[in-house]
Protein backbone atom coordinates (compact mmCIF):
# COMPACT_ATOMS: atom_id res chain seq x y z
CA UNK A 1 -38.95 -134.88 -32.56
CA UNK A 2 -38.10 -134.49 -28.85
CA UNK A 3 -36.27 -137.84 -28.78
CA UNK A 4 -34.22 -136.79 -31.83
CA UNK A 5 -33.17 -133.52 -30.18
CA UNK A 6 -32.15 -135.35 -26.98
CA UNK A 7 -30.09 -137.80 -29.06
CA UNK A 8 -28.45 -134.91 -30.92
CA UNK A 9 -27.49 -133.22 -27.63
CA UNK A 10 -26.07 -136.49 -26.28
CA UNK A 11 -24.01 -136.89 -29.46
CA UNK A 12 -22.75 -133.31 -29.18
CA UNK A 13 -21.70 -133.93 -25.56
CA UNK A 14 -19.79 -137.06 -26.62
CA UNK A 15 -18.00 -135.23 -29.46
CA UNK A 16 -17.12 -132.23 -27.29
CA UNK A 17 -15.62 -134.41 -24.55
CA UNK A 18 -13.49 -136.20 -27.17
CA UNK A 19 -12.08 -132.89 -28.46
CA UNK A 20 -11.07 -130.82 -25.40
CA UNK A 21 -9.72 -128.00 -27.58
CA UNK A 22 -13.33 -126.99 -28.30
CA UNK A 23 -13.57 -125.61 -24.78
CA UNK A 24 -12.31 -122.09 -24.12
CA UNK A 25 -9.26 -121.92 -21.80
CA UNK A 26 -11.25 -119.91 -19.22
CA UNK A 27 -14.94 -120.65 -18.58
CA UNK A 28 -17.19 -117.74 -19.49
CA UNK A 29 -19.52 -116.41 -16.80
CA UNK A 30 -21.50 -113.18 -16.90
CA UNK A 31 -24.58 -111.44 -15.51
CA UNK A 32 -25.71 -108.83 -18.01
CA UNK A 33 -28.81 -106.66 -18.40
CA UNK A 34 -31.13 -108.29 -20.94
CA UNK A 35 -31.95 -105.00 -22.65
CA UNK A 36 -28.59 -103.16 -22.70
CA UNK A 37 -26.08 -106.05 -22.35
CA UNK A 38 -24.24 -104.04 -19.67
CA UNK A 39 -22.76 -106.30 -16.95
CA UNK A 40 -24.32 -106.09 -13.51
CA UNK A 41 -20.80 -106.30 -12.11
CA UNK A 42 -17.37 -107.77 -12.75
CA UNK A 43 -16.12 -109.81 -9.79
CA UNK A 44 -12.55 -110.85 -9.08
CA UNK A 45 -13.62 -114.47 -9.58
CA UNK A 46 -16.71 -116.63 -9.85
CA UNK A 47 -17.79 -119.20 -7.28
CA UNK A 48 -20.85 -121.38 -7.67
CA UNK A 49 -23.38 -121.16 -10.47
CA UNK A 50 -26.30 -123.33 -9.40
CA UNK A 51 -29.56 -123.50 -11.40
CA UNK A 52 -32.50 -125.22 -9.73
CA UNK A 53 -35.39 -126.64 -11.74
CA UNK A 54 -38.54 -127.52 -9.86
CA UNK A 55 -42.09 -128.60 -10.63
CA UNK A 56 -45.23 -128.43 -8.52
CA UNK A 57 -47.20 -131.67 -8.44
CA UNK A 58 -50.86 -132.02 -7.61
CA UNK A 59 -51.22 -133.45 -4.10
CA UNK A 60 -54.61 -135.13 -4.42
CA UNK A 61 -55.19 -138.79 -5.34
CA UNK A 62 -55.52 -139.53 -9.05
CA UNK A 63 -57.25 -142.41 -10.77
CA UNK A 64 -54.96 -144.98 -12.33
CA UNK A 65 -53.68 -143.56 -15.63
CA UNK A 66 -55.16 -140.09 -15.05
CA UNK A 67 -51.80 -138.38 -14.41
CA UNK A 68 -51.72 -135.61 -17.02
CA UNK A 69 -49.61 -132.61 -17.95
CA UNK A 70 -51.72 -130.21 -15.88
CA UNK A 71 -50.92 -132.27 -12.75
CA UNK A 72 -47.26 -131.26 -13.05
CA UNK A 73 -46.58 -127.52 -13.38
CA UNK A 74 -43.08 -126.16 -13.93
CA UNK A 75 -42.10 -123.46 -11.46
CA UNK A 76 -39.78 -120.58 -12.43
CA UNK A 77 -36.13 -121.64 -12.47
CA UNK A 78 -33.93 -120.23 -9.70
CA UNK A 79 -30.21 -119.66 -10.25
CA UNK A 80 -27.82 -119.00 -7.36
CA UNK A 81 -24.63 -117.23 -8.37
CA UNK A 82 -21.67 -116.75 -6.04
CA UNK A 83 -19.16 -114.03 -6.85
CA UNK A 84 -15.93 -113.28 -5.03
CA UNK A 85 -14.38 -109.82 -4.71
CA UNK A 86 -10.87 -109.26 -3.39
CA UNK A 87 -9.03 -106.07 -2.56
CA UNK A 88 -9.09 -103.37 0.07
CA UNK A 89 -12.02 -102.68 2.36
CA UNK A 90 -12.89 -99.61 0.27
CA UNK A 91 -12.79 -101.57 -3.01
CA UNK A 92 -15.07 -104.30 -1.64
CA UNK A 93 -17.44 -101.72 -0.10
CA UNK A 94 -17.74 -99.76 -3.37
CA UNK A 95 -18.28 -102.95 -5.39
CA UNK A 96 -21.08 -104.17 -3.11
CA UNK A 97 -22.66 -100.70 -2.85
CA UNK A 98 -22.78 -100.41 -6.65
CA UNK A 99 -24.73 -103.68 -6.94
CA UNK A 100 -27.14 -102.67 -4.15
CA UNK A 101 -27.63 -99.24 -5.74
CA UNK A 102 -28.32 -100.81 -9.14
CA UNK A 103 -31.04 -103.00 -7.59
CA UNK A 104 -32.53 -100.07 -5.66
CA UNK A 105 -32.64 -97.83 -8.75
CA UNK A 106 -34.07 -100.43 -11.10
CA UNK A 107 -35.74 -103.30 -9.23
CA UNK A 108 -37.54 -104.52 -12.38
CA UNK A 109 -34.34 -104.98 -14.40
CA UNK A 110 -34.15 -108.35 -16.14
CA UNK A 111 -30.79 -110.09 -16.50
CA UNK A 112 -29.30 -112.73 -18.76
CA UNK A 113 -27.03 -115.19 -16.96
CA UNK A 114 -24.23 -116.75 -19.00
CA UNK A 115 -22.36 -119.89 -17.98
CA UNK A 116 -20.60 -122.73 -19.83
CA UNK A 117 -23.63 -124.96 -19.13
CA UNK A 118 -26.28 -122.60 -20.45
CA UNK A 119 -27.67 -119.13 -21.02
CA UNK A 120 -30.59 -118.10 -18.81
CA UNK A 121 -32.63 -115.21 -20.24
CA UNK A 122 -34.91 -112.79 -18.36
CA UNK A 123 -34.18 -113.39 -14.69
CA UNK A 124 -34.74 -110.88 -11.90
CA UNK A 125 -32.59 -110.42 -8.82
CA UNK A 126 -34.67 -111.95 -6.02
CA UNK A 127 -32.13 -112.23 -3.21
CA UNK A 128 -28.72 -110.99 -2.14
CA UNK A 129 -26.50 -112.09 0.74
CA UNK A 130 -22.81 -111.74 1.46
CA UNK A 131 -20.23 -112.66 4.04
CA UNK A 132 -16.58 -112.22 4.92
CA UNK A 133 -14.96 -114.79 7.16
CA UNK A 134 -11.42 -114.89 8.53
CA UNK A 135 -11.10 -118.59 7.70
CA UNK A 136 -11.81 -117.82 4.01
CA UNK A 137 -9.51 -114.80 3.89
CA UNK A 138 -10.12 -111.45 5.53
CA UNK A 139 -9.93 -109.53 2.23
CA UNK A 140 -12.45 -111.77 0.39
CA UNK A 141 -16.09 -110.81 0.02
CA UNK A 142 -18.40 -113.69 -0.94
CA UNK A 143 -21.56 -112.42 -2.58
CA UNK A 144 -24.46 -114.77 -3.29
CA UNK A 145 -27.14 -113.55 -5.69
CA UNK A 146 -30.39 -115.41 -6.27
CA UNK A 147 -32.01 -114.87 -9.65
CA UNK A 148 -35.55 -116.07 -10.42
CA UNK A 149 -36.92 -116.63 -13.91
CA UNK A 150 -39.63 -114.23 -15.07
CA UNK A 151 -41.79 -116.28 -17.46
CA UNK A 152 -43.21 -113.99 -20.14
CA UNK A 153 -45.82 -114.45 -22.83
CA UNK A 154 -46.84 -112.24 -25.71
CA UNK A 155 -49.27 -109.49 -24.79
CA UNK A 156 -52.84 -109.91 -25.98
CA UNK A 157 -53.57 -106.18 -25.77
CA UNK A 158 -55.22 -105.01 -28.96
CA UNK A 159 -55.24 -108.43 -30.62
CA UNK A 160 -58.92 -109.16 -30.07
CA UNK A 161 -61.40 -106.88 -31.80
CA UNK A 162 -64.64 -108.24 -30.33
CA UNK A 163 -64.02 -109.79 -26.90
CA UNK A 164 -66.97 -111.42 -25.15
CA UNK A 165 -68.32 -109.69 -22.06
CA UNK A 166 -68.52 -111.54 -18.79
CA UNK A 167 -71.84 -113.37 -18.44
CA UNK A 168 -73.88 -112.83 -15.31
CA UNK A 169 -77.41 -112.54 -14.02
CA UNK A 170 -79.06 -110.85 -11.05
CA UNK A 171 -77.32 -110.95 -7.67
CA UNK A 172 -79.75 -113.64 -6.48
CA UNK A 173 -78.28 -115.97 -9.10
CA UNK A 174 -74.73 -115.83 -7.75
CA UNK A 175 -73.24 -119.30 -7.59
CA UNK A 176 -75.29 -120.62 -10.50
CA UNK A 177 -73.46 -121.63 -13.65
CA UNK A 178 -74.52 -120.18 -16.99
CA UNK A 179 -72.65 -121.38 -20.07
CA UNK A 180 -74.30 -118.70 -22.19
CA UNK A 181 -76.34 -115.54 -21.62
CA UNK A 182 -79.49 -116.31 -19.67
CA UNK A 183 -82.71 -115.66 -21.53
CA UNK A 184 -85.63 -113.67 -20.10
CA UNK A 185 -87.52 -116.92 -19.48
CA UNK A 186 -84.58 -118.37 -17.54
CA UNK A 187 -84.37 -115.19 -15.45
CA UNK A 188 -88.11 -115.41 -14.72
CA UNK A 189 -87.87 -119.08 -13.69
CA UNK A 190 -84.87 -118.41 -11.46
CA UNK A 191 -86.61 -115.43 -9.81
CA UNK A 192 -89.77 -117.52 -9.31
CA UNK A 193 -87.76 -120.30 -7.69
CA UNK A 194 -86.07 -117.81 -5.35
CA UNK A 195 -89.48 -116.33 -4.44
CA UNK A 196 -91.04 -119.75 -3.70
CA UNK A 197 -88.12 -121.10 -1.68
CA UNK A 198 -87.87 -117.78 0.14
């Protein structure tokens, strides 16, 4: 199934490159709120759009052939977006202040990032930096935003009617492993052992 979907995507890429009219005349970029679809901002132009995929590998030696899926964990995707704003000092100040105010008012807002290469759903703003440099143009503000994926799963609240309670014994038995509730006889034996060994 996975090999078929990879082959289908490769075929789609080949067809799309053979028919350039399938591409829109202007690439579409956007950063919109995932819940309201309101844009975070509208820049004068877009710079870089750089997703970064990363996995965390186990760093301990493995037996030959023991490398398994749990030894390689996917980390949240990070997307760096560069926006460019032109105009007067006041226009650039107001544009930047609006973005900073939006983040201050709603730091938990999730965004959907749209680019020609993909749509990235439910990302939070994790970093913001900007600069103006005379060699790039004194009326250009370069804003770099770093968005980090917020992996979400369905809530289990209310789905389980009879959850099992945590299993434990007396404090003296801390560190011992019980795979089921200890019986009275097991408690007595454990207490006797603790008494004898002092």
